[in-house]
Amino acid sequence: VVRGIPELVLMLLVFYGAAIGINNLFEAMGSDYVLDLNPFIAGVATLGFIYGAYMTETFRAAILSIPKGQMEAAFGMGPVRTFLRITLPQMVRYALPGYTNNWLVLIKATALVSLISLHDMTYMAKQASAATREPFIFLMFAAALYLVFTSISLSVLKRINARYSLG
């Protein structure tokens, strides 16, 4: 379900739909309390839900790609020790490419929270470009910042990947 719904649609459903649903629930219970959902909470919850699902699939696939014989060879070790000494080091090698991709897409998806009035860098770039009527400068600056964030992340994750690919 999560992979079938676009991030923007789910974010709008959480931000607007959750507030309406909760307010209708309060009204049905006889309360006149009105909930105003914080855009930061809605954005973090939505992106966390979506990319948590993607990351879970990445790690699940990495664990399943480890040969069964590796776990069987850990006879006598407890489950925690088997995971930490045998499964985890092998899993990281399989999970890092997918994790890197999901992480970079998550960084870029944070621009969507500007559509629910969260004052992130995309929102600020749109506001500044509207005030000065110079959209190219401010949006290019925001694009450059996203490029810096993704480049730093890619560099760090490449080093981690090189470390776990030894041997």
C-alpha atoms as a PDB file:
ATOM      1  CA  VAL A   1       0.000   0.000   0.000  1.00  0.00           C
ATOM      2  CA  VAL A   2       2.785   2.431   0.928  1.00  0.00           C
ATOM      3  CA  ARG A   3       4.674   1.876  -2.322  1.00  0.00           C
ATOM      4  CA  GLY A   4       1.471   2.328  -4.333  1.00  0.00           C
ATOM      5  CA  ILE A   5       0.546   5.799  -3.010  1.00  0.00           C
ATOM      6  CA  PRO A   6       2.658   8.824  -3.997  1.00  0.00           C
ATOM      7  CA  GLU A   7       4.434  10.572  -1.120  1.00  0.00           C
ATOM      8  CA  LEU A   8       2.670  13.873  -1.786  1.00  0.00           C
ATOM      9  CA  VAL A   9      -0.799  12.311  -1.691  1.00  0.00           C
ATOM     10  CA  LEU A  10      -0.033  10.479   1.547  1.00  0.00           C
ATOM     11  CA  MET A  11       1.422  13.639   3.099  1.00  0.00           C
ATOM     12  CA  LEU A  12      -1.687  15.640   2.213  1.00  0.00           C
ATOM     13  CA  LEU A  13      -3.902  12.834   3.538  1.00  0.00           C
ATOM     14  CA  VAL A  14      -2.034  12.786   6.845  1.00  0.00           C
ATOM     15  CA  PHE A  15      -1.888  16.564   7.240  1.00  0.00           C
ATOM     16  CA  TYR A  16      -5.440  17.413   6.223  1.00  0.00           C
ATOM     17  CA  GLY A  17      -7.252  14.096   6.585  1.00  0.00           C
ATOM     18  CA  ALA A  18      -5.908  13.223  10.033  1.00  0.00           C
ATOM     19  CA  ALA A  19      -6.871  16.620  11.426  1.00  0.00           C
ATOM     20  CA  ILE A  20     -10.368  16.369   9.957  1.00  0.00           C
ATOM     21  CA  GLY A  21     -10.792  12.795  11.210  1.00  0.00           C
ATOM     22  CA  ILE A  22      -9.623  13.604  14.724  1.00  0.00           C
ATOM     23  CA  ASN A  23     -11.784  16.744  14.870  1.00  0.00           C
ATOM     24  CA  ASN A  24     -14.814  14.719  13.721  1.00  0.00           C
ATOM     25  CA  LEU A  25     -14.042  12.167  16.436  1.00  0.00           C
ATOM     26  CA  PHE A  26     -13.873  14.921  19.085  1.00  0.00           C
ATOM     27  CA  GLU A  27     -17.139  16.362  17.792  1.00  0.00           C
ATOM     28  CA  ALA A  28     -18.842  12.951  17.945  1.00  0.00           C
ATOM     29  CA  MET A  29     -17.681  12.567  21.552  1.00  0.00           C
ATOM     30  CA  GLY A  30     -19.277  15.903  22.428  1.00  0.00           C
ATOM     31  CA  SER A  31     -16.077  17.904  22.749  1.00  0.00           C
ATOM     32  CA  ASP A  32     -15.631  21.258  21.057  1.00  0.00           C
ATOM     33  CA  TYR A  33     -11.815  20.938  21.020  1.00  0.00           C
ATOM     34  CA  VAL A  34     -10.300  21.635  17.588  1.00  0.00           C
ATOM     35  CA  LEU A  35      -6.991  20.012  16.716  1.00  0.00           C
ATOM     36  CA  ASP A  36      -4.585  21.970  14.542  1.00  0.00           C
ATOM     37  CA  LEU A  37      -2.010  19.447  13.319  1.00  0.00           C
ATOM     38  CA  ASN A  38       1.573  20.708  13.320  1.00  0.00           C
ATOM     39  CA  PRO A  39       3.063  20.537   9.790  1.00  0.00           C
ATOM     40  CA  PHE A  40       6.412  19.357  11.168  1.00  0.00           C
ATOM     41  CA  ILE A  41       4.819  16.401  12.937  1.00  0.00           C
ATOM     42  CA  ALA A  42       2.730  15.534   9.882  1.00  0.00           C
ATOM     43  CA  GLY A  43       5.754  15.755   7.580  1.00  0.00           C
ATOM     44  CA  VAL A  44       8.054  13.704   9.811  1.00  0.00           C
ATOM     45  CA  ALA A  45       5.360  11.097  10.472  1.00  0.00           C
ATOM     46  CA  THR A  46       4.538  10.731   6.782  1.00  0.00           C
ATOM     47  CA  LEU A  47       8.130  10.552   5.556  1.00  0.00           C
ATOM     48  CA  GLY A  48       9.054   8.271   8.453  1.00  0.00           C
ATOM     49  CA  PHE A  49       6.174   5.944   7.635  1.00  0.00           C
ATOM     50  CA  ILE A  50       6.946   5.834   3.914  1.00  0.00           C
ATOM     51  CA  TYR A  51      10.713   5.475   4.098  1.00  0.00           C
ATOM     52  CA  GLY A  52      10.506   3.225   7.150  1.00  0.00           C
ATOM     53  CA  ALA A  53       8.610   0.800   4.920  1.00  0.00           C
ATOM     54  CA  TYR A  54      11.241   1.072   2.173  1.00  0.00           C
ATOM     55  CA  MET A  55      14.136   0.660   4.610  1.00  0.00           C
ATOM     56  CA  THR A  56      12.464  -2.339   6.239  1.00  0.00           C
ATOM     57  CA  GLU A  57      12.193  -4.028   2.849  1.00  0.00           C
ATOM     58  CA  THR A  58      15.851  -3.247   2.151  1.00  0.00           C
ATOM     59  CA  PHE A  59      17.023  -4.837   5.402  1.00  0.00           C
ATOM     60  CA  ARG A  60      14.631  -7.783   5.074  1.00  0.00           C
ATOM     61  CA  ALA A  61      15.983  -8.564   1.613  1.00  0.00           C
ATOM     62  CA  ALA A  62      19.560  -8.245   2.891  1.00  0.00           C
ATOM     63  CA  ILE A  63      18.921 -10.717   5.706  1.00  0.00           C
ATOM     64  CA  LEU A  64      17.221 -13.164   3.335  1.00  0.00           C
ATOM     65  CA  SER A  65      20.178 -13.006   0.936  1.00  0.00           C
ATOM     66  CA  ILE A  66      22.546 -14.461   3.546  1.00  0.00           C
ATOM     67  CA  PRO A  67      22.960 -18.210   2.950  1.00  0.00           C
ATOM     68  CA  LYS A  68      21.230 -20.402   5.559  1.00  0.00           C
ATOM     69  CA  GLY A  69      24.465 -22.279   6.158  1.00  0.00           C
ATOM     70  CA  GLN A  70      25.979 -19.177   7.691  1.00  0.00           C
ATOM     71  CA  MET A  71      23.384 -19.144  10.456  1.00  0.00           C
ATOM     72  CA  GLU A  72      23.558 -22.923  10.888  1.00  0.00           C
ATOM     73  CA  ALA A  73      27.327 -22.689  11.373  1.00  0.00           C
ATOM     74  CA  ALA A  74      26.706 -20.553  14.474  1.00  0.00           C
ATOM     75  CA  PHE A  75      25.523 -23.587  16.397  1.00  0.00           C
ATOM     76  CA  GLY A  76      25.905 -22.988  20.125  1.00  0.00           C
ATOM     77  CA  MET A  77      25.783 -19.195  19.928  1.00  0.00           C
ATOM     78  CA  GLY A  78      22.736 -17.398  21.216  1.00  0.00           C
ATOM     79  CA  PRO A  79      20.437 -15.579  18.770  1.00  0.00           C
ATOM     80  CA  VAL A  80      21.745 -12.120  19.705  1.00  0.00           C
ATOM     81  CA  ARG A  81      25.364 -13.165  19.371  1.00  0.00           C
ATOM     82  CA  THR A  82      24.616 -14.908  16.060  1.00  0.00           C
ATOM     83  CA  PHE A  83      22.996 -11.752  14.740  1.00  0.00           C
ATOM     84  CA  LEU A  84      25.801  -9.439  15.886  1.00  0.00           C
ATOM     85  CA  ARG A  85      28.753 -11.616  14.819  1.00  0.00           C
ATOM     86  CA  ILE A  86      27.448 -13.394  11.710  1.00  0.00           C
ATOM     87  CA  THR A  87      24.262 -11.907  10.277  1.00  0.00           C
ATOM     88  CA  LEU A  88      24.862  -8.172  10.754  1.00  0.00           C
ATOM     89  CA  PRO A  89      28.304  -7.906   9.107  1.00  0.00           C
ATOM     90  CA  GLN A  90      27.086  -9.827   6.049  1.00  0.00           C
ATOM     91  CA  MET A  91      23.737  -8.067   5.953  1.00  0.00           C
ATOM     92  CA  VAL A  92      25.330  -4.611   5.863  1.00  0.00           C
ATOM     93  CA  ARG A  93      27.166  -5.470   2.658  1.00  0.00           C
ATOM     94  CA  TYR A  94      23.903  -6.463   0.946  1.00  0.00           C
ATOM     95  CA  ALA A  95      21.815  -3.634   2.429  1.00  0.00           C
ATOM     96  CA  LEU A  96      24.085  -0.635   1.785  1.00  0.00           C
ATOM     97  CA  PRO A  97      23.312  -0.101  -1.937  1.00  0.00           C
ATOM     98  CA  GLY A  98      19.553  -0.102  -1.325  1.00  0.00           C
ATOM     99  CA  TYR A  99      19.935   1.933   1.855  1.00  0.00           C
ATOM    100  CA  THR A 100      22.023   4.530  -0.004  1.00  0.00           C
ATOM    101  CA  ASN A 101      19.361   4.863  -2.675  1.00  0.00           C
ATOM    102  CA  ASN A 102      16.538   5.174  -0.127  1.00  0.00           C
ATOM    103  CA  TRP A 103      18.495   7.716   1.921  1.00  0.00           C
ATOM    104  CA  LEU A 104      19.155   9.960  -1.084  1.00  0.00           C
ATOM    105  CA  VAL A 105      15.522   9.792  -2.195  1.00  0.00           C
ATOM    106  CA  LEU A 106      14.431  10.626   1.377  1.00  0.00           C
ATOM    107  CA  ILE A 107      16.635  13.731   1.435  1.00  0.00           C
ATOM    108  CA  LYS A 108      15.083  14.924  -1.805  1.00  0.00           C
ATOM    109  CA  ALA A 109      11.555  14.026  -0.659  1.00  0.00           C
ATOM    110  CA  THR A 110      11.851  16.460   2.237  1.00  0.00           C
ATOM    111  CA  ALA A 111      11.108  19.214  -0.296  1.00  0.00           C
ATOM    112  CA  LEU A 112       7.505  17.966  -0.342  1.00  0.00           C
ATOM    113  CA  VAL A 113       6.866  19.197   3.198  1.00  0.00           C
ATOM    114  CA  SER A 114       6.885  22.769   1.879  1.00  0.00           C
ATOM    115  CA  LEU A 115       3.457  22.036   0.386  1.00  0.00           C
ATOM    116  CA  ILE A 116       1.931  21.635   3.863  1.00  0.00           C
ATOM    117  CA  SER A 117       3.254  25.052   4.932  1.00  0.00           C
ATOM    118  CA  LEU A 118       6.331  23.787   6.751  1.00  0.00           C
ATOM    119  CA  HIS A 119       9.061  26.408   6.583  1.00  0.00           C
ATOM    120  CA  ASP A 120      11.823  24.311   5.056  1.00  0.00           C
ATOM    121  CA  MET A 121      14.382  25.491   2.542  1.00  0.00           C
ATOM    122  CA  THR A 122      12.100  24.936  -0.466  1.00  0.00           C
ATOM    123  CA  TYR A 123       9.319  26.929   1.185  1.00  0.00           C
ATOM    124  CA  MET A 124      11.722  29.741   2.050  1.00  0.00           C
ATOM    125  CA  ALA A 125      13.099  29.769  -1.513  1.00  0.00           C
ATOM    126  CA  LYS A 126       9.549  30.066  -2.893  1.00  0.00           C
ATOM    127  CA  GLN A 127       8.741  32.884  -0.460  1.00  0.00           C
ATOM    128  CA  ALA A 128      11.943  34.775  -1.279  1.00  0.00           C
ATOM    129  CA  SER A 129      11.451  34.334  -5.013  1.00  0.00           C
ATOM    130  CA  ALA A 130       7.877  35.620  -4.741  1.00  0.00           C
ATOM    131  CA  ALA A 131       9.037  38.700  -2.820  1.00  0.00           C
ATOM    132  CA  THR A 132      11.896  39.585  -5.165  1.00  0.00           C
ATOM    133  CA  ARG A 133      10.458  38.159  -8.392  1.00  0.00           C
ATOM    134  CA  GLU A 134      13.767  36.386  -8.953  1.00  0.00           C
ATOM    135  CA  PRO A 135      12.784  32.703  -8.696  1.00  0.00           C
ATOM    136  CA  PHE A 136      15.832  31.347 -10.488  1.00  0.00           C
ATOM    137  CA  ILE A 137      18.372  32.584  -7.928  1.00  0.00           C
ATOM    138  CA  PHE A 138      16.596  31.306  -4.829  1.00  0.00           C
ATOM    139  CA  LEU A 139      15.473  27.996  -6.290  1.00  0.00           C
ATOM    140  CA  MET A 140      18.969  27.340  -7.654  1.00  0.00           C
ATOM    141  CA  PHE A 141      20.358  28.059  -4.179  1.00  0.00           C
ATOM    142  CA  ALA A 142      17.937  25.522  -2.672  1.00  0.00           C
ATOM    143  CA  ALA A 143      18.901  23.028  -5.400  1.00  0.00           C
ATOM    144  CA  ALA A 144      22.587  23.615  -4.613  1.00  0.00           C
ATOM    145  CA  LEU A 145      21.949  22.952  -0.912  1.00  0.00           C
ATOM    146  CA  TYR A 146      20.178  19.686  -1.727  1.00  0.00           C
ATOM    147  CA  LEU A 147      23.110  18.782  -3.975  1.00  0.00           C
ATOM    148  CA  VAL A 148      25.546  19.462  -1.117  1.00  0.00           C
ATOM    149  CA  PHE A 149      23.509  17.326   1.305  1.00  0.00           C
ATOM    150  CA  THR A 150      23.233  14.424  -1.142  1.00  0.00           C
ATOM    151  CA  SER A 151      26.916  14.669  -2.108  1.00  0.00           C
ATOM    152  CA  ILE A 152      28.070  14.537   1.513  1.00  0.00           C
ATOM    153  CA  SER A 153      25.723  11.634   2.228  1.00  0.00           C
ATOM    154  CA  LEU A 154      26.887   9.774  -0.864  1.00  0.00           C
ATOM    155  CA  SER A 155      30.533  10.284   0.083  1.00  0.00           C
ATOM    156  CA  VAL A 156      30.019   8.968   3.617  1.00  0.00           C
ATOM    157  CA  LEU A 157      27.958   6.003   2.449  1.00  0.00           C
ATOM    158  CA  LYS A 158      30.541   5.129  -0.237  1.00  0.00           C
ATOM    159  CA  ARG A 159      33.235   4.987   2.455  1.00  0.00           C
ATOM    160  CA  ILE A 160      31.057   2.753   4.620  1.00  0.00           C
ATOM    161  CA  ASN A 161      30.359   0.543   1.605  1.00  0.00           C
ATOM    162  CA  ALA A 162      34.095   0.303   0.828  1.00  0.00           C
ATOM    163  CA  ARG A 163      34.765  -0.687   4.442  1.00  0.00           C
ATOM    164  CA  TYR A 164      32.189  -3.476   4.440  1.00  0.00           C
ATOM    165  CA  SER A 165      33.132  -4.723   0.955  1.00  0.00           C
ATOM    166  CA  LEU A 166      36.639  -5.723   2.052  1.00  0.00           C
ATOM    167  CA  GLY A 167      37.380  -9.412   1.713  1.00  0.00           C
END
